[in-house]
Amino acid sequence: MLVVEDQPLNVLLLKRILSNHFKVESVESGEAAIKWCENHTPDLILLDIVMDGMGWAE
């Protein structure tokens, strides 16, 4: 699972909750997620849609 989240506390909480059931990787931006996915194929992406640079409203 790839978690795309720019808030460190949210990443910490999500990893704590999800790591019992999933292998969890995280990145801090949409750009980093795209780059990460060039070399990996996650089964699931948990994406924050409101982030600087690539948010849904931009």
PDB file of N, CA and C in Angstrom:
ATOM      1  N   MET A   1       0.844  -1.167   0.000  1.00  0.00           N
ATOM      2  CA  MET A   1       0.000   0.000   0.000  1.00  0.00           C
ATOM      3  C   MET A   1       0.893   1.234   0.000  1.00  0.00           C
ATOM      4  N   LEU A   2       0.532   2.201  -0.809  1.00  0.00           N
ATOM      5  CA  LEU A   2       1.233   3.472  -0.825  1.00  0.00           C
ATOM      6  C   LEU A   2       0.322   4.527  -0.216  1.00  0.00           C
ATOM      7  N   VAL A   3       0.829   5.209   0.805  1.00  0.00           N
ATOM      8  CA  VAL A   3       0.119   6.319   1.432  1.00  0.00           C
ATOM      9  C   VAL A   3       0.751   7.605   0.915  1.00  0.00           C
ATOM     10  N   VAL A   4      -0.063   8.458   0.312  1.00  0.00           N
ATOM     11  CA  VAL A   4       0.397   9.750  -0.187  1.00  0.00           C
ATOM     12  C   VAL A   4      -0.226  10.810   0.720  1.00  0.00           C
ATOM     13  N   GLU A   5       0.598  11.377   1.579  1.00  0.00           N
ATOM     14  CA  GLU A   5       0.094  12.281   2.622  1.00  0.00           C
ATOM     15  C   GLU A   5       1.194  13.253   3.006  1.00  0.00           C
ATOM     16  N   ASP A   6       0.841  14.539   3.095  1.00  0.00           N
ATOM     17  CA  ASP A   6       1.843  15.557   3.416  1.00  0.00           C
ATOM     18  C   ASP A   6       1.878  15.952   4.892  1.00  0.00           C
ATOM     19  N   GLN A   7       1.030  15.372   5.703  1.00  0.00           N
ATOM     20  CA  GLN A   7       1.023  15.665   7.139  1.00  0.00           C
ATOM     21  C   GLN A   7       1.678  14.504   7.904  1.00  0.00           C
ATOM     22  N   PRO A   8       2.852  14.740   8.495  1.00  0.00           N
ATOM     23  CA  PRO A   8       3.587  13.658   9.167  1.00  0.00           C
ATOM     24  C   PRO A   8       2.786  12.913  10.238  1.00  0.00           C
ATOM     25  N   LEU A   9       1.959  13.621  10.995  1.00  0.00           N
ATOM     26  CA  LEU A   9       1.163  12.943  12.024  1.00  0.00           C
ATOM     27  C   LEU A   9       0.161  11.984  11.396  1.00  0.00           C
ATOM     28  N   ASN A  10      -0.453  12.384  10.290  1.00  0.00           N
ATOM     29  CA  ASN A  10      -1.391  11.494   9.598  1.00  0.00           C
ATOM     30  C   ASN A  10      -0.685  10.245   9.087  1.00  0.00           C
ATOM     31  N   VAL A  11       0.525  10.427   8.555  1.00  0.00           N
ATOM     32  CA  VAL A  11       1.304   9.278   8.072  1.00  0.00           C
ATOM     33  C   VAL A  11       1.598   8.333   9.220  1.00  0.00           C
ATOM     34  N   LEU A  12       2.034   8.881  10.339  1.00  0.00           N
ATOM     35  CA  LEU A  12       2.341   8.055  11.507  1.00  0.00           C
ATOM     36  C   LEU A  12       1.118   7.254  11.961  1.00  0.00           C
ATOM     37  N   LEU A  13      -0.015   7.920  12.054  1.00  0.00           N
ATOM     38  CA  LEU A  13      -1.235   7.237  12.490  1.00  0.00           C
ATOM     39  C   LEU A  13      -1.682   6.173  11.489  1.00  0.00           C
ATOM     40  N   LEU A  14      -1.654   6.513  10.213  1.00  0.00           N
ATOM     41  CA  LEU A  14      -2.059   5.542   9.197  1.00  0.00           C
ATOM     42  C   LEU A  14      -1.147   4.327   9.186  1.00  0.00           C
ATOM     43  N   LYS A  15       0.152   4.549   9.291  1.00  0.00           N
ATOM     44  CA  LYS A  15       1.080   3.421   9.330  1.00  0.00           C
ATOM     45  C   LYS A  15       0.836   2.553  10.554  1.00  0.00           C
ATOM     46  N   ARG A  16       0.595   3.189  11.685  1.00  0.00           N
ATOM     47  CA  ARG A  16       0.347   2.432  12.912  1.00  0.00           C
ATOM     48  C   ARG A  16      -0.909   1.566  12.774  1.00  0.00           C
ATOM     49  N   ILE A  17      -1.942   2.106  12.178  1.00  0.00           N
ATOM     50  CA  ILE A  17      -3.206   1.376  12.023  1.00  0.00           C
ATOM     51  C   ILE A  17      -3.107   0.296  10.948  1.00  0.00           C
ATOM     52  N   LEU A  18      -2.490   0.627   9.818  1.00  0.00           N
ATOM     53  CA  LEU A  18      -2.523  -0.262   8.660  1.00  0.00           C
ATOM     54  C   LEU A  18      -1.404  -1.297   8.615  1.00  0.00           C
ATOM     55  N   SER A  19      -0.315  -1.052   9.306  1.00  0.00           N
ATOM     56  CA  SER A  19       0.845  -1.938   9.168  1.00  0.00           C
ATOM     57  C   SER A  19       0.620  -3.342   9.719  1.00  0.00           C
ATOM     58  N   ASN A  20      -0.410  -3.539  10.513  1.00  0.00           N
ATOM     59  CA  ASN A  20      -0.729  -4.895  10.973  1.00  0.00           C
ATOM     60  C   ASN A  20      -1.303  -5.756   9.852  1.00  0.00           C
ATOM     61  N   HIS A  21      -1.806  -5.104   8.804  1.00  0.00           N
ATOM     62  CA  HIS A  21      -2.476  -5.822   7.723  1.00  0.00           C
ATOM     63  C   HIS A  21      -1.831  -5.627   6.356  1.00  0.00           C
ATOM     64  N   PHE A  22      -1.007  -4.587   6.212  1.00  0.00           N
ATOM     65  CA  PHE A  22      -0.422  -4.249   4.925  1.00  0.00           C
ATOM     66  C   PHE A  22       1.044  -3.868   5.084  1.00  0.00           C
ATOM     67  N   LYS A  23       1.797  -4.062   4.018  1.00  0.00           N
ATOM     68  CA  LYS A  23       3.122  -3.450   3.935  1.00  0.00           C
ATOM     69  C   LYS A  23       2.868  -2.020   3.459  1.00  0.00           C
ATOM     70  N   VAL A  24       3.230  -1.037   4.278  1.00  0.00           N
ATOM     71  CA  VAL A  24       2.893   0.353   3.997  1.00  0.00           C
ATOM     72  C   VAL A  24       4.155   1.152   3.673  1.00  0.00           C
ATOM     73  N   GLU A  25       4.118   1.805   2.521  1.00  0.00           N
ATOM     74  CA  GLU A  25       5.146   2.774   2.125  1.00  0.00           C
ATOM     75  C   GLU A  25       4.455   4.134   2.097  1.00  0.00           C
ATOM     76  N   SER A  26       5.226   5.202   2.249  1.00  0.00           N
ATOM     77  CA  SER A  26       4.613   6.523   2.202  1.00  0.00           C
ATOM     78  C   SER A  26       5.504   7.509   1.472  1.00  0.00           C
ATOM     79  N   VAL A  27       4.858   8.485   0.853  1.00  0.00           N
ATOM     80  CA  VAL A  27       5.530   9.623   0.226  1.00  0.00           C
ATOM     81  C   VAL A  27       4.745  10.866   0.612  1.00  0.00           C
ATOM     82  N   GLU A  28       5.382  12.039   0.444  1.00  0.00           N
ATOM     83  CA  GLU A  28       4.794  13.279   0.938  1.00  0.00           C
ATOM     84  C   GLU A  28       4.161  14.170  -0.127  1.00  0.00           C
ATOM     85  N   SER A  29       4.162  13.738  -1.383  1.00  0.00           N
ATOM     86  CA  SER A  29       3.585  14.601  -2.416  1.00  0.00           C
ATOM     87  C   SER A  29       3.103  13.773  -3.600  1.00  0.00           C
ATOM     88  N   GLY A  30       2.272  14.401  -4.407  1.00  0.00           N
ATOM     89  CA  GLY A  30       1.810  13.748  -5.627  1.00  0.00           C
ATOM     90  C   GLY A  30       2.952  13.458  -6.581  1.00  0.00           C
ATOM     91  N   GLU A  31       3.884  14.410  -6.675  1.00  0.00           N
ATOM     92  CA  GLU A  31       5.046  14.220  -7.536  1.00  0.00           C
ATOM     93  C   GLU A  31       5.871  13.017  -7.090  1.00  0.00           C
ATOM     94  N   ALA A  32       6.072  12.897  -5.770  1.00  0.00           N
ATOM     95  CA  ALA A  32       6.835  11.770  -5.230  1.00  0.00           C
ATOM     96  C   ALA A  32       6.102  10.451  -5.456  1.00  0.00           C
ATOM     97  N   ALA A  33       4.775  10.481  -5.408  1.00  0.00           N
ATOM     98  CA  ALA A  33       3.988   9.270  -5.658  1.00  0.00           C
ATOM     99  C   ALA A  33       4.162   8.798  -7.099  1.00  0.00           C
ATOM    100  N   ILE A  34       4.121   9.747  -8.030  1.00  0.00           N
ATOM    101  CA  ILE A  34       4.307   9.385  -9.435  1.00  0.00           C
ATOM    102  C   ILE A  34       5.685   8.774  -9.645  1.00  0.00           C
ATOM    103  N   LYS A  35       6.697   9.394  -9.065  1.00  0.00           N
ATOM    104  CA  LYS A  35       8.068   8.885  -9.192  1.00  0.00           C
ATOM    105  C   LYS A  35       8.185   7.496  -8.552  1.00  0.00           C
ATOM    106  N   TRP A  36       7.576   7.308  -7.368  1.00  0.00           N
ATOM    107  CA  TRP A  36       7.634   6.021  -6.673  1.00  0.00           C
ATOM    108  C   TRP A  36       6.978   4.938  -7.525  1.00  0.00           C
ATOM    109  N   CYS A  37       5.858   5.274  -8.152  1.00  0.00           N
ATOM    110  CA  CYS A  37       5.127   4.294  -8.952  1.00  0.00           C
ATOM    111  C   CYS A  37       5.834   3.944 -10.259  1.00  0.00           C
ATOM    112  N   GLU A  38       6.820   4.715 -10.659  1.00  0.00           N
ATOM    113  CA  GLU A  38       7.608   4.357 -11.832  1.00  0.00           C
ATOM    114  C   GLU A  38       8.425   3.089 -11.593  1.00  0.00           C
ATOM    115  N   ASN A  39       8.732   2.790 -10.321  1.00  0.00           N
ATOM    116  CA  ASN A  39       9.558   1.631  -9.977  1.00  0.00           C
ATOM    117  C   ASN A  39       8.842   0.584  -9.137  1.00  0.00           C
ATOM    118  N   HIS A  40       7.598   0.847  -8.751  1.00  0.00           N
ATOM    119  CA  HIS A  40       6.842  -0.065  -7.898  1.00  0.00           C
ATOM    120  C   HIS A  40       5.401  -0.131  -8.388  1.00  0.00           C
ATOM    121  N   THR A  41       4.718  -1.203  -8.036  1.00  0.00           N
ATOM    122  CA  THR A  41       3.306  -1.343  -8.382  1.00  0.00           C
ATOM    123  C   THR A  41       2.528  -1.651  -7.106  1.00  0.00           C
ATOM    124  N   PRO A  42       1.985  -0.629  -6.467  1.00  0.00           N
ATOM    125  CA  PRO A  42       1.238  -0.880  -5.230  1.00  0.00           C
ATOM    126  C   PRO A  42      -0.099  -1.558  -5.526  1.00  0.00           C
ATOM    127  N   ASP A  43      -0.559  -2.339  -4.582  1.00  0.00           N
ATOM    128  CA  ASP A  43      -1.882  -2.934  -4.704  1.00  0.00           C
ATOM    129  C   ASP A  43      -2.979  -1.912  -4.412  1.00  0.00           C
ATOM    130  N   LEU A  44      -2.610  -0.911  -3.614  1.00  0.00           N
ATOM    131  CA  LEU A  44      -3.582   0.095  -3.196  1.00  0.00           C
ATOM    132  C   LEU A  44      -2.853   1.402  -2.923  1.00  0.00           C
ATOM    133  N   ILE A  45      -3.472   2.522  -3.298  1.00  0.00           N
ATOM    134  CA  ILE A  45      -2.931   3.838  -2.990  1.00  0.00           C
ATOM    135  C   ILE A  45      -3.971   4.584  -2.168  1.00  0.00           C
ATOM    136  N   LEU A  46      -3.555   5.048  -0.996  1.00  0.00           N
ATOM    137  CA  LEU A  46      -4.391   5.887  -0.149  1.00  0.00           C
ATOM    138  C   LEU A  46      -3.887   7.308  -0.349  1.00  0.00           C
ATOM    139  N   LEU A  47      -4.704   8.151  -0.961  1.00  0.00           N
ATOM    140  CA  LEU A  47      -4.261   9.447  -1.459  1.00  0.00           C
ATOM    141  C   LEU A  47      -4.990  10.596  -0.781  1.00  0.00           C
ATOM    142  N   ASP A  48      -4.219  11.517  -0.240  1.00  0.00           N
ATOM    143  CA  ASP A  48      -4.750  12.778   0.273  1.00  0.00           C
ATOM    144  C   ASP A  48      -5.035  13.660  -0.941  1.00  0.00           C
ATOM    145  N   ILE A  49      -6.263  14.097  -1.131  1.00  0.00           N
ATOM    146  CA  ILE A  49      -6.589  14.866  -2.336  1.00  0.00           C
ATOM    147  C   ILE A  49      -6.384  16.370  -2.163  1.00  0.00           C
ATOM    148  N   VAL A  50      -6.059  16.823  -0.966  1.00  0.00           N
ATOM    149  CA  VAL A  50      -5.818  18.242  -0.746  1.00  0.00           C
ATOM    150  C   VAL A  50      -4.373  18.417  -0.267  1.00  0.00           C
ATOM    151  N   MET A  51      -3.470  18.651  -1.247  1.00  0.00           N
ATOM    152  CA  MET A  51      -2.052  18.836  -0.943  1.00  0.00           C
ATOM    153  C   MET A  51      -1.516  19.967  -1.805  1.00  0.00           C
ATOM    154  N   ASP A  52      -0.455  20.602  -1.327  1.00  0.00           N
ATOM    155  CA  ASP A  52       0.200  21.634  -2.121  1.00  0.00           C
ATOM    156  C   ASP A  52       0.767  21.018  -3.403  1.00  0.00           C
ATOM    157  N   GLY A  53       0.604  21.718  -4.504  1.00  0.00           N
ATOM    158  CA  GLY A  53       1.216  21.299  -5.754  1.00  0.00           C
ATOM    159  C   GLY A  53       0.365  20.461  -6.665  1.00  0.00           C
ATOM    160  N   MET A  54      -0.387  19.488  -6.128  1.00  0.00           N
ATOM    161  CA  MET A  54      -1.179  18.610  -6.988  1.00  0.00           C
ATOM    162  C   MET A  54      -2.536  18.291  -6.390  1.00  0.00           C
ATOM    163  N   GLY A  55      -3.091  19.180  -5.628  1.00  0.00           N
ATOM    164  CA  GLY A  55      -4.402  18.942  -5.031  1.00  0.00           C
ATOM    165  C   GLY A  55      -5.500  18.944  -6.076  1.00  0.00           C
ATOM    166  N   TRP A  56      -6.627  18.401  -5.765  1.00  0.00           N
ATOM    167  CA  TRP A  56      -7.728  18.272  -6.725  1.00  0.00           C
ATOM    168  C   TRP A  56      -8.285  19.622  -7.141  1.00  0.00           C
ATOM    169  N   ALA A  57      -8.125  20.659  -6.313  1.00  0.00           N
ATOM    170  CA  ALA A  57      -8.722  21.954  -6.611  1.00  0.00           C
ATOM    171  C   ALA A  57      -7.792  22.861  -7.432  1.00  0.00           C
ATOM    172  N   GLU A  58      -6.602  22.396  -7.741  1.00  0.00           N
ATOM    173  CA  GLU A  58      -5.651  23.248  -8.475  1.00  0.00           C
ATOM    174  C   GLU A  58      -5.825  23.151  -9.956  1.00  0.00           C
TER     175      GLU A  58
END
